[in-house]
Amino acid sequence: MKSTGKKISGRKVFTYVFLTIAALISLFPFYFMFVSATNTNAEILSAAPKLFFGSHLAENFANLNKKMDLVRILTNSTIMTVSYTALAIVLHSMAGYALAKFEFKGKGLLFGLIMITMMIPAQVMYVPLFTLMNNIGWANTYQAVVLPGLAGAFGIFLMRQNMLAFPTSLIEAARIDGCGEIGIFLKVVLPSQKPAVGALGIYMFMSMWNNFMWPLIILSTKSMYNFPVALAMLDGVAWRKDYGVIMLATVCAVLPIMIIFLVFQKQFVAGVMGGAVKE
């Protein structure tokens, strides 16, 4: 009797094997990071590094708390990231909606100018931004970290491209029914943009959670540091570094991003694909 099962071609087998090996290579640094967080400095730096979970997690955690106020650092990063993400979603969604569905003179020129700002390196803005924040008394504050980067060209572009696909007839019908512009945006347009909002939220969350250079410049006290800056300040000279503690701190910094991305990865992919809509 002939077999009814589908045969897997040699090319597919090679593809699956190659992708599996590539995935394992990509994931190994994360595995080593988690393993190292439970081992001592000697085990990590030995000629044959230990590749299995150890029993020194509590010890490393105690040493980490001695070197940095973990709860305070986590609170700082959470406040900065959540507030930045929420405000960025609102502003970028409103700007994208206006550029996609409103007709006004100079709209094309305005959108072009917004896109040109993506070519300006962020570093050239640090000196004038620091001067401005210092003059208005915002240096070493949450708002000094959060507010300057709220209106970004990428977020506006992403939301505009997704909202171009929304039927204009539904907006006009809502206007005929007497719904105001804010109501149309909040009740009609925005609920249909959940994939785009999810993608934007993940991007904004990751960018602020990992933000290093600007917080390093504008924050002057340890009590205001976020995770990237606190990690950079953990130890001085290389031969005195406790890599088990550093790896544990890195795990604490990376874990929230991994959880957020894994939970909202479908929205992220759908939102990015939605941005491919043409006018």
C-alpha atoms as a PDB file:
ATOM      1  CA  MET A   1       0.000   0.000   0.000  1.00  0.00           C
ATOM      2  CA  LYS A   2       1.138   3.511  -0.781  1.00  0.00           C
ATOM      3  CA  SER A   3       1.760   5.856   2.079  1.00  0.00           C
ATOM      4  CA  THR A   4      -0.767   8.703   2.263  1.00  0.00           C
ATOM      5  CA  GLY A   5       1.498  10.908   4.374  1.00  0.00           C
ATOM      6  CA  LYS A   6       3.133  13.892   2.780  1.00  0.00           C
ATOM      7  CA  LYS A   7       6.852  13.572   2.227  1.00  0.00           C
ATOM      8  CA  ILE A   8       9.065  16.391   3.415  1.00  0.00           C
ATOM      9  CA  SER A   9      11.545  17.425   0.763  1.00  0.00           C
ATOM     10  CA  GLY A  10      15.245  17.630   1.471  1.00  0.00           C
ATOM     11  CA  ARG A  11      15.158  21.385   0.958  1.00  0.00           C
ATOM     12  CA  LYS A  12      12.518  21.797   3.680  1.00  0.00           C
ATOM     13  CA  VAL A  13      14.486  19.590   6.060  1.00  0.00           C
ATOM     14  CA  PHE A  14      17.598  21.705   5.446  1.00  0.00           C
ATOM     15  CA  THR A  15      15.571  24.900   5.963  1.00  0.00           C
ATOM     16  CA  TYR A  16      14.101  23.676   9.261  1.00  0.00           C
ATOM     17  CA  VAL A  17      17.484  22.495  10.526  1.00  0.00           C
ATOM     18  CA  PHE A  18      19.122  25.787   9.536  1.00  0.00           C
ATOM     19  CA  LEU A  19      16.365  27.873  11.195  1.00  0.00           C
ATOM     20  CA  THR A  20      16.544  25.744  14.353  1.00  0.00           C
ATOM     21  CA  ILE A  21      20.311  26.210  14.605  1.00  0.00           C
ATOM     22  CA  ALA A  22      19.982  29.945  13.916  1.00  0.00           C
ATOM     23  CA  ALA A  23      17.293  30.259  16.616  1.00  0.00           C
ATOM     24  CA  LEU A  24      19.438  28.406  19.167  1.00  0.00           C
ATOM     25  CA  ILE A  25      22.438  30.640  18.377  1.00  0.00           C
ATOM     26  CA  SER A  26      20.259  33.749  18.759  1.00  0.00           C
ATOM     27  CA  LEU A  27      18.769  32.580  22.052  1.00  0.00           C
ATOM     28  CA  PHE A  28      22.017  31.352  23.609  1.00  0.00           C
ATOM     29  CA  PRO A  29      23.170  34.812  24.861  1.00  0.00           C
ATOM     30  CA  PHE A  30      19.855  35.198  26.720  1.00  0.00           C
ATOM     31  CA  TYR A  31      20.193  31.700  28.180  1.00  0.00           C
ATOM     32  CA  PHE A  32      23.766  32.431  29.268  1.00  0.00           C
ATOM     33  CA  MET A  33      22.613  35.702  30.849  1.00  0.00           C
ATOM     34  CA  PHE A  34      19.934  33.935  32.918  1.00  0.00           C
ATOM     35  CA  VAL A  35      22.354  31.155  33.906  1.00  0.00           C
ATOM     36  CA  SER A  36      25.110  33.595  34.872  1.00  0.00           C
ATOM     37  CA  ALA A  37      22.698  35.469  37.129  1.00  0.00           C
ATOM     38  CA  THR A  38      22.658  32.375  39.357  1.00  0.00           C
ATOM     39  CA  ASN A  39      26.425  31.721  39.383  1.00  0.00           C
ATOM     40  CA  THR A  40      29.451  33.263  41.082  1.00  0.00           C
ATOM     41  CA  ASN A  41      32.128  35.366  39.429  1.00  0.00           C
ATOM     42  CA  ALA A  42      34.589  32.455  39.492  1.00  0.00           C
ATOM     43  CA  GLU A  43      32.144  30.122  37.744  1.00  0.00           C
ATOM     44  CA  ILE A  44      31.375  32.679  35.034  1.00  0.00           C
ATOM     45  CA  LEU A  45      35.028  33.556  34.353  1.00  0.00           C
ATOM     46  CA  SER A  46      36.391  29.999  34.548  1.00  0.00           C
ATOM     47  CA  ALA A  47      38.073  28.422  31.515  1.00  0.00           C
ATOM     48  CA  ALA A  48      34.991  26.238  31.049  1.00  0.00           C
ATOM     49  CA  PRO A  49      32.071  28.543  31.991  1.00  0.00           C
ATOM     50  CA  LYS A  50      29.218  26.881  33.805  1.00  0.00           C
ATOM     51  CA  LEU A  51      26.240  26.489  31.477  1.00  0.00           C
ATOM     52  CA  PHE A  52      23.721  25.291  34.051  1.00  0.00           C
ATOM     53  CA  PHE A  53      21.761  27.181  36.666  1.00  0.00           C
ATOM     54  CA  GLY A  54      23.588  27.591  39.963  1.00  0.00           C
ATOM     55  CA  SER A  55      22.546  28.173  43.568  1.00  0.00           C
ATOM     56  CA  HIS A  56      23.793  31.734  44.086  1.00  0.00           C
ATOM     57  CA  LEU A  57      20.759  33.703  42.931  1.00  0.00           C
ATOM     58  CA  ALA A  58      19.884  34.905  46.437  1.00  0.00           C
ATOM     59  CA  GLU A  59      23.499  35.904  47.096  1.00  0.00           C
ATOM     60  CA  ASN A  60      23.725  37.839  43.831  1.00  0.00           C
ATOM     61  CA  PHE A  61      20.415  39.520  44.546  1.00  0.00           C
ATOM     62  CA  ALA A  62      21.617  40.623  47.989  1.00  0.00           C
ATOM     63  CA  ASN A  63      24.828  42.026  46.497  1.00  0.00           C
ATOM     64  CA  LEU A  64      22.819  43.808  43.795  1.00  0.00           C
ATOM     65  CA  ASN A  65      20.659  45.497  46.421  1.00  0.00           C
ATOM     66  CA  LYS A  66      23.798  46.702  48.180  1.00  0.00           C
ATOM     67  CA  LYS A  67      25.131  48.313  45.008  1.00  0.00           C
ATOM     68  CA  MET A  68      21.899  49.876  43.748  1.00  0.00           C
ATOM     69  CA  ASP A  69      18.444  50.636  45.102  1.00  0.00           C
ATOM     70  CA  LEU A  70      16.692  48.127  42.854  1.00  0.00           C
ATOM     71  CA  VAL A  71      13.162  49.097  43.901  1.00  0.00           C
ATOM     72  CA  ARG A  72      13.866  52.792  43.301  1.00  0.00           C
ATOM     73  CA  ILE A  73      15.501  52.115  39.912  1.00  0.00           C
ATOM     74  CA  LEU A  74      12.568  49.918  38.886  1.00  0.00           C
ATOM     75  CA  THR A  75      10.117  52.610  40.008  1.00  0.00           C
ATOM     76  CA  ASN A  76      11.969  55.292  38.042  1.00  0.00           C
ATOM     77  CA  SER A  77      12.079  53.203  34.868  1.00  0.00           C
ATOM     78  CA  THR A  78       8.415  52.228  35.209  1.00  0.00           C
ATOM     79  CA  ILE A  79       7.201  55.808  35.745  1.00  0.00           C
ATOM     80  CA  MET A  80       9.257  57.142  32.835  1.00  0.00           C
ATOM     81  CA  THR A  81       8.361  54.329  30.466  1.00  0.00           C
ATOM     82  CA  VAL A  82       4.633  54.038  31.209  1.00  0.00           C
ATOM     83  CA  SER A  83       4.025  57.786  31.116  1.00  0.00           C
ATOM     84  CA  TYR A  84       6.087  58.172  27.940  1.00  0.00           C
ATOM     85  CA  THR A  85       4.326  55.263  26.224  1.00  0.00           C
ATOM     86  CA  ALA A  86       0.826  56.478  27.138  1.00  0.00           C
ATOM     87  CA  LEU A  87       1.456  60.082  26.084  1.00  0.00           C
ATOM     88  CA  ALA A  88       3.257  59.029  22.892  1.00  0.00           C
ATOM     89  CA  ILE A  89       0.352  56.792  21.845  1.00  0.00           C
ATOM     90  CA  VAL A  90      -2.132  59.650  22.304  1.00  0.00           C
ATOM     91  CA  LEU A  91      -0.039  62.278  20.498  1.00  0.00           C
ATOM     92  CA  HIS A  92       1.069  60.055  17.619  1.00  0.00           C
ATOM     93  CA  SER A  93      -2.444  58.703  17.090  1.00  0.00           C
ATOM     94  CA  MET A  94      -3.934  62.194  16.958  1.00  0.00           C
ATOM     95  CA  ALA A  95      -1.226  63.460  14.604  1.00  0.00           C
ATOM     96  CA  GLY A  96      -1.541  60.400  12.366  1.00  0.00           C
ATOM     97  CA  TYR A  97      -5.312  60.781  12.232  1.00  0.00           C
ATOM     98  CA  ALA A  98      -5.066  64.470  11.287  1.00  0.00           C
ATOM     99  CA  LEU A  99      -2.519  63.810   8.543  1.00  0.00           C
ATOM    100  CA  ALA A 100      -4.470  60.856   7.166  1.00  0.00           C
ATOM    101  CA  LYS A 101      -8.086  62.085   7.229  1.00  0.00           C
ATOM    102  CA  PHE A 102      -8.076  65.892   7.393  1.00  0.00           C
ATOM    103  CA  GLU A 103      -7.555  68.118   4.371  1.00  0.00           C
ATOM    104  CA  PHE A 104      -5.764  71.402   4.983  1.00  0.00           C
ATOM    105  CA  LYS A 105      -3.338  73.620   3.140  1.00  0.00           C
ATOM    106  CA  GLY A 106       0.272  72.552   3.434  1.00  0.00           C
ATOM    107  CA  LYS A 107      -0.497  69.036   4.722  1.00  0.00           C
ATOM    108  CA  GLY A 108       1.945  67.391   2.315  1.00  0.00           C
ATOM    109  CA  LEU A 109       4.671  69.884   3.159  1.00  0.00           C
ATOM    110  CA  LEU A 110       4.102  69.392   6.887  1.00  0.00           C
ATOM    111  CA  PHE A 111       4.310  65.609   6.568  1.00  0.00           C
ATOM    112  CA  GLY A 112       7.482  65.959   4.508  1.00  0.00           C
ATOM    113  CA  LEU A 113       9.076  68.162   7.169  1.00  0.00           C
ATOM    114  CA  ILE A 114       8.132  65.638   9.851  1.00  0.00           C
ATOM    115  CA  MET A 115       9.781  62.834   7.878  1.00  0.00           C
ATOM    116  CA  ILE A 116      12.919  64.935   7.318  1.00  0.00           C
ATOM    117  CA  THR A 117      13.399  65.119  11.090  1.00  0.00           C
ATOM    118  CA  MET A 118      14.219  61.398  11.018  1.00  0.00           C
ATOM    119  CA  MET A 119      17.478  62.352   9.286  1.00  0.00           C
ATOM    120  CA  ILE A 120      18.580  64.581  12.193  1.00  0.00           C
ATOM    121  CA  PRO A 121      20.810  62.704  14.683  1.00  0.00           C
ATOM    122  CA  ALA A 122      19.441  62.848  18.204  1.00  0.00           C
ATOM    123  CA  GLN A 123      22.884  63.741  19.534  1.00  0.00           C
ATOM    124  CA  VAL A 124      22.824  67.218  17.946  1.00  0.00           C
ATOM    125  CA  MET A 125      19.797  68.086  20.088  1.00  0.00           C
ATOM    126  CA  TYR A 126      21.308  67.177  23.449  1.00  0.00           C
ATOM    127  CA  VAL A 127      23.102  70.481  24.123  1.00  0.00           C
ATOM    128  CA  PRO A 128      20.134  72.793  23.368  1.00  0.00           C
ATOM    129  CA  LEU A 129      17.757  70.421  25.163  1.00  0.00           C
ATOM    130  CA  PHE A 130      19.975  70.306  28.242  1.00  0.00           C
ATOM    131  CA  THR A 131      20.225  74.107  28.246  1.00  0.00           C
ATOM    132  CA  LEU A 132      16.450  74.431  27.935  1.00  0.00           C
ATOM    133  CA  MET A 133      15.689  71.896  30.673  1.00  0.00           C
ATOM    134  CA  ASN A 134      18.242  73.483  32.994  1.00  0.00           C
ATOM    135  CA  ASN A 135      16.869  77.007  32.403  1.00  0.00           C
ATOM    136  CA  ILE A 136      13.284  76.029  33.205  1.00  0.00           C
ATOM    137  CA  GLY A 137      14.330  74.018  36.267  1.00  0.00           C
ATOM    138  CA  TRP A 138      13.501  70.581  34.898  1.00  0.00           C
ATOM    139  CA  ALA A 139      16.986  69.065  35.073  1.00  0.00           C
ATOM    140  CA  ASN A 140      17.092  65.766  36.999  1.00  0.00           C
ATOM    141  CA  THR A 141      13.307  65.249  36.768  1.00  0.00           C
ATOM    142  CA  TYR A 142      11.003  62.708  35.149  1.00  0.00           C
ATOM    143  CA  GLN A 143       9.508  65.232  32.743  1.00  0.00           C
ATOM    144  CA  ALA A 144      12.943  66.153  31.429  1.00  0.00           C
ATOM    145  CA  VAL A 145      13.393  62.535  30.313  1.00  0.00           C
ATOM    146  CA  VAL A 146       9.855  61.940  29.073  1.00  0.00           C
ATOM    147  CA  LEU A 147       8.708  65.086  27.267  1.00  0.00           C
ATOM    148  CA  PRO A 148      11.480  65.921  24.745  1.00  0.00           C
ATOM    149  CA  GLY A 149      11.064  62.740  22.706  1.00  0.00           C
ATOM    150  CA  LEU A 150       7.279  62.457  22.683  1.00  0.00           C
ATOM    151  CA  ALA A 151       6.519  63.663  19.150  1.00  0.00           C
ATOM    152  CA  GLY A 152       8.618  61.385  16.958  1.00  0.00           C
ATOM    153  CA  ALA A 153       8.429  61.057  13.177  1.00  0.00           C
ATOM    154  CA  PHE A 154       8.343  57.255  13.228  1.00  0.00           C
ATOM    155  CA  GLY A 155       5.250  57.073  15.438  1.00  0.00           C
ATOM    156  CA  ILE A 156       3.406  59.690  13.375  1.00  0.00           C
ATOM    157  CA  PHE A 157       4.307  57.881  10.160  1.00  0.00           C
ATOM    158  CA  LEU A 158       3.196  54.495  11.532  1.00  0.00           C
ATOM    159  CA  MET A 159      -0.187  55.766  12.717  1.00  0.00           C
ATOM    160  CA  ARG A 160      -0.804  57.808   9.560  1.00  0.00           C
ATOM    161  CA  GLN A 161      -0.115  54.844   7.297  1.00  0.00           C
ATOM    162  CA  ASN A 162      -2.456  52.611   9.279  1.00  0.00           C
ATOM    163  CA  MET A 163      -5.233  55.211   9.406  1.00  0.00           C
ATOM    164  CA  LEU A 164      -5.111  55.742   5.639  1.00  0.00           C
ATOM    165  CA  ALA A 165      -6.833  52.352   5.319  1.00  0.00           C
ATOM    166  CA  PHE A 166      -9.732  53.395   7.578  1.00  0.00           C
ATOM    167  CA  PRO A 167     -12.898  54.105   5.480  1.00  0.00           C
ATOM    168  CA  THR A 168     -13.530  57.843   5.259  1.00  0.00           C
ATOM    169  CA  SER A 169     -17.240  57.089   4.722  1.00  0.00           C
ATOM    170  CA  LEU A 170     -17.553  55.893   8.327  1.00  0.00           C
ATOM    171  CA  ILE A 171     -16.100  59.181   9.572  1.00  0.00           C
ATOM    172  CA  GLU A 172     -18.517  61.159   7.412  1.00  0.00           C
ATOM    173  CA  ALA A 173     -21.426  59.041   8.632  1.00  0.00           C
ATOM    174  CA  ALA A 174     -20.455  59.731  12.237  1.00  0.00           C
ATOM    175  CA  ARG A 175     -20.332  63.468  11.483  1.00  0.00           C
ATOM    176  CA  ILE A 176     -23.803  63.332   9.940  1.00  0.00           C
ATOM    177  CA  ASP A 177     -25.049  61.598  13.092  1.00  0.00           C
ATOM    178  CA  GLY A 178     -23.795  64.580  15.097  1.00  0.00           C
ATOM    179  CA  CYS A 179     -20.664  63.056  16.637  1.00  0.00           C
ATOM    180  CA  GLY A 180     -17.886  65.552  17.364  1.00  0.00           C
ATOM    181  CA  GLU A 181     -14.357  65.194  16.040  1.00  0.00           C
ATOM    182  CA  ILE A 182     -12.975  64.030  19.380  1.00  0.00           C
ATOM    183  CA  GLY A 183     -15.780  61.495  19.697  1.00  0.00           C
ATOM    184  CA  ILE A 184     -15.144  60.231  16.159  1.00  0.00           C
ATOM    185  CA  PHE A 185     -11.456  59.800  16.936  1.00  0.00           C
ATOM    186  CA  LEU A 186     -11.981  58.052  20.278  1.00  0.00           C
ATOM    187  CA  LYS A 187     -15.101  55.975  19.513  1.00  0.00           C
ATOM    188  CA  VAL A 188     -14.907  55.263  15.782  1.00  0.00           C
ATOM    189  CA  VAL A 189     -11.319  55.461  14.522  1.00  0.00           C
ATOM    190  CA  LEU A 190      -9.088  54.530  17.453  1.00  0.00           C
ATOM    191  CA  PRO A 191     -10.817  51.215  18.379  1.00  0.00           C
ATOM    192  CA  SER A 192     -10.065  49.931  14.869  1.00  0.00           C
ATOM    193  CA  GLN A 193      -6.376  50.760  15.252  1.00  0.00           C
ATOM    194  CA  LYS A 194      -5.557  48.307  18.045  1.00  0.00           C
ATOM    195  CA  PRO A 195      -2.811  46.495  16.065  1.00  0.00           C
ATOM    196  CA  ALA A 196      -1.136  49.792  15.173  1.00  0.00           C
ATOM    197  CA  VAL A 197      -1.480  51.096  18.725  1.00  0.00           C
ATOM    198  CA  GLY A 198      -0.033  47.818  20.038  1.00  0.00           C
ATOM    199  CA  ALA A 199       2.943  48.051  17.675  1.00  0.00           C
ATOM    200  CA  LEU A 200       3.508  51.693  18.564  1.00  0.00           C
ATOM    201  CA  GLY A 201       3.193  50.949  22.281  1.00  0.00           C
ATOM    202  CA  ILE A 202       5.792  48.160  22.125  1.00  0.00           C
ATOM    203  CA  TYR A 203       8.183  50.344  20.157  1.00  0.00           C
ATOM    204  CA  MET A 204       7.785  53.306  22.515  1.00  0.00           C
ATOM    205  CA  PHE A 205       8.035  51.108  25.603  1.00  0.00           C
ATOM    206  CA  MET A 206      11.265  49.527  24.380  1.00  0.00           C
ATOM    207  CA  SER A 207      12.818  52.822  23.277  1.00  0.00           C
ATOM    208  CA  MET A 208      12.196  54.529  26.627  1.00  0.00           C
ATOM    209  CA  TRP A 209      13.024  51.497  28.798  1.00  0.00           C
ATOM    210  CA  ASN A 210      16.366  51.179  26.974  1.00  0.00           C
ATOM    211  CA  ASN A 211      17.022  54.928  26.801  1.00  0.00           C
ATOM    212  CA  PHE A 212      20.562  55.585  28.007  1.00  0.00           C
ATOM    213  CA  MET A 213      22.292  58.649  26.579  1.00  0.00           C
ATOM    214  CA  TRP A 214      19.702  61.345  27.319  1.00  0.00           C
ATOM    215  CA  PRO A 215      18.950  60.141  30.899  1.00  0.00           C
ATOM    216  CA  LEU A 216      22.711  59.929  31.499  1.00  0.00           C
ATOM    217  CA  ILE A 217      23.022  63.606  30.519  1.00  0.00           C
ATOM    218  CA  ILE A 218      19.958  65.074  32.227  1.00  0.00           C
ATOM    219  CA  LEU A 219      19.837  62.948  35.430  1.00  0.00           C
ATOM    220  CA  SER A 220      22.437  63.847  38.032  1.00  0.00           C
ATOM    221  CA  THR A 221      21.522  61.796  41.132  1.00  0.00           C
ATOM    222  CA  LYS A 222      21.470  58.032  41.657  1.00  0.00           C
ATOM    223  CA  SER A 223      17.951  58.199  43.065  1.00  0.00           C
ATOM    224  CA  MET A 224      16.677  59.311  39.627  1.00  0.00           C
ATOM    225  CA  TYR A 225      18.564  56.820  37.442  1.00  0.00           C
ATOM    226  CA  ASN A 226      16.747  54.425  35.138  1.00  0.00           C
ATOM    227  CA  PHE A 227      17.965  50.863  34.472  1.00  0.00           C
ATOM    228  CA  PRO A 228      20.442  51.519  31.611  1.00  0.00           C
ATOM    229  CA  VAL A 229      22.192  54.326  33.498  1.00  0.00           C
ATOM    230  CA  ALA A 230      22.212  52.359  36.764  1.00  0.00           C
ATOM    231  CA  LEU A 231      23.702  49.347  34.961  1.00  0.00           C
ATOM    232  CA  ALA A 232      26.493  51.493  33.536  1.00  0.00           C
ATOM    233  CA  MET A 233      27.288  52.763  37.047  1.00  0.00           C
ATOM    234  CA  LEU A 234      27.340  49.348  38.736  1.00  0.00           C
ATOM    235  CA  ASP A 235      31.109  48.916  38.897  1.00  0.00           C
ATOM    236  CA  GLY A 236      34.338  50.654  37.991  1.00  0.00           C
ATOM    237  CA  VAL A 237      37.474  48.802  36.953  1.00  0.00           C
ATOM    238  CA  ALA A 238      37.054  45.510  35.099  1.00  0.00           C
ATOM    239  CA  TRP A 239      38.882  43.263  37.594  1.00  0.00           C
ATOM    240  CA  ARG A 240      36.542  44.294  40.412  1.00  0.00           C
ATOM    241  CA  LYS A 241      33.307  43.693  38.562  1.00  0.00           C
ATOM    242  CA  ASP A 242      30.938  41.056  39.877  1.00  0.00           C
ATOM    243  CA  TYR A 243      29.560  39.651  36.668  1.00  0.00           C
ATOM    244  CA  GLY A 244      26.960  37.526  38.439  1.00  0.00           C
ATOM    245  CA  VAL A 245      25.455  40.701  39.906  1.00  0.00           C
ATOM    246  CA  ILE A 246      25.709  42.510  36.573  1.00  0.00           C
ATOM    247  CA  MET A 247      23.982  39.635  34.776  1.00  0.00           C
ATOM    248  CA  LEU A 248      21.214  39.598  37.387  1.00  0.00           C
ATOM    249  CA  ALA A 249      20.705  43.341  36.967  1.00  0.00           C
ATOM    250  CA  THR A 250      20.608  42.833  33.199  1.00  0.00           C
ATOM    251  CA  VAL A 251      17.964  40.147  33.635  1.00  0.00           C
ATOM    252  CA  CYS A 252      15.873  42.576  35.694  1.00  0.00           C
ATOM    253  CA  ALA A 253      16.240  45.157  32.917  1.00  0.00           C
ATOM    254  CA  VAL A 254      15.537  42.806  29.995  1.00  0.00           C
ATOM    255  CA  LEU A 255      12.722  40.690  31.459  1.00  0.00           C
ATOM    256  CA  PRO A 256       9.948  43.356  31.260  1.00  0.00           C
ATOM    257  CA  ILE A 257      10.745  43.996  27.586  1.00  0.00           C
ATOM    258  CA  MET A 258      10.672  40.282  26.779  1.00  0.00           C
ATOM    259  CA  ILE A 259       7.324  39.841  28.550  1.00  0.00           C
ATOM    260  CA  ILE A 260       5.764  42.878  26.829  1.00  0.00           C
ATOM    261  CA  PHE A 261       6.946  41.756  23.407  1.00  0.00           C
ATOM    262  CA  LEU A 262       5.822  38.140  23.850  1.00  0.00           C
ATOM    263  CA  VAL A 263       2.371  39.229  25.052  1.00  0.00           C
ATOM    264  CA  PHE A 264       1.807  41.785  22.276  1.00  0.00           C
ATOM    265  CA  GLN A 265       3.830  40.291  19.407  1.00  0.00           C
ATOM    266  CA  LYS A 266       0.731  39.631  17.267  1.00  0.00           C
ATOM    267  CA  GLN A 267      -0.344  43.272  17.549  1.00  0.00           C
ATOM    268  CA  PHE A 268       3.196  44.368  16.741  1.00  0.00           C
ATOM    269  CA  VAL A 269       3.358  42.332  13.526  1.00  0.00           C
ATOM    270  CA  ALA A 270      -0.175  43.319  12.490  1.00  0.00           C
ATOM    271  CA  GLY A 271       0.510  47.002  13.177  1.00  0.00           C
ATOM    272  CA  VAL A 272       3.746  47.053  11.203  1.00  0.00           C
ATOM    273  CA  MET A 273       2.124  45.235   8.267  1.00  0.00           C
ATOM    274  CA  GLY A 274      -0.775  47.682   8.350  1.00  0.00           C
ATOM    275  CA  GLY A 275       1.687  50.500   7.772  1.00  0.00           C
ATOM    276  CA  ALA A 276       2.346  49.144   4.272  1.00  0.00           C
ATOM    277  CA  VAL A 277      -0.950  50.537   2.961  1.00  0.00           C
ATOM    278  CA  LYS A 278      -0.496  52.892   0.025  1.00  0.00           C
ATOM    279  CA  GLU A 279      -2.422  56.070  -0.605  1.00  0.00           C
END
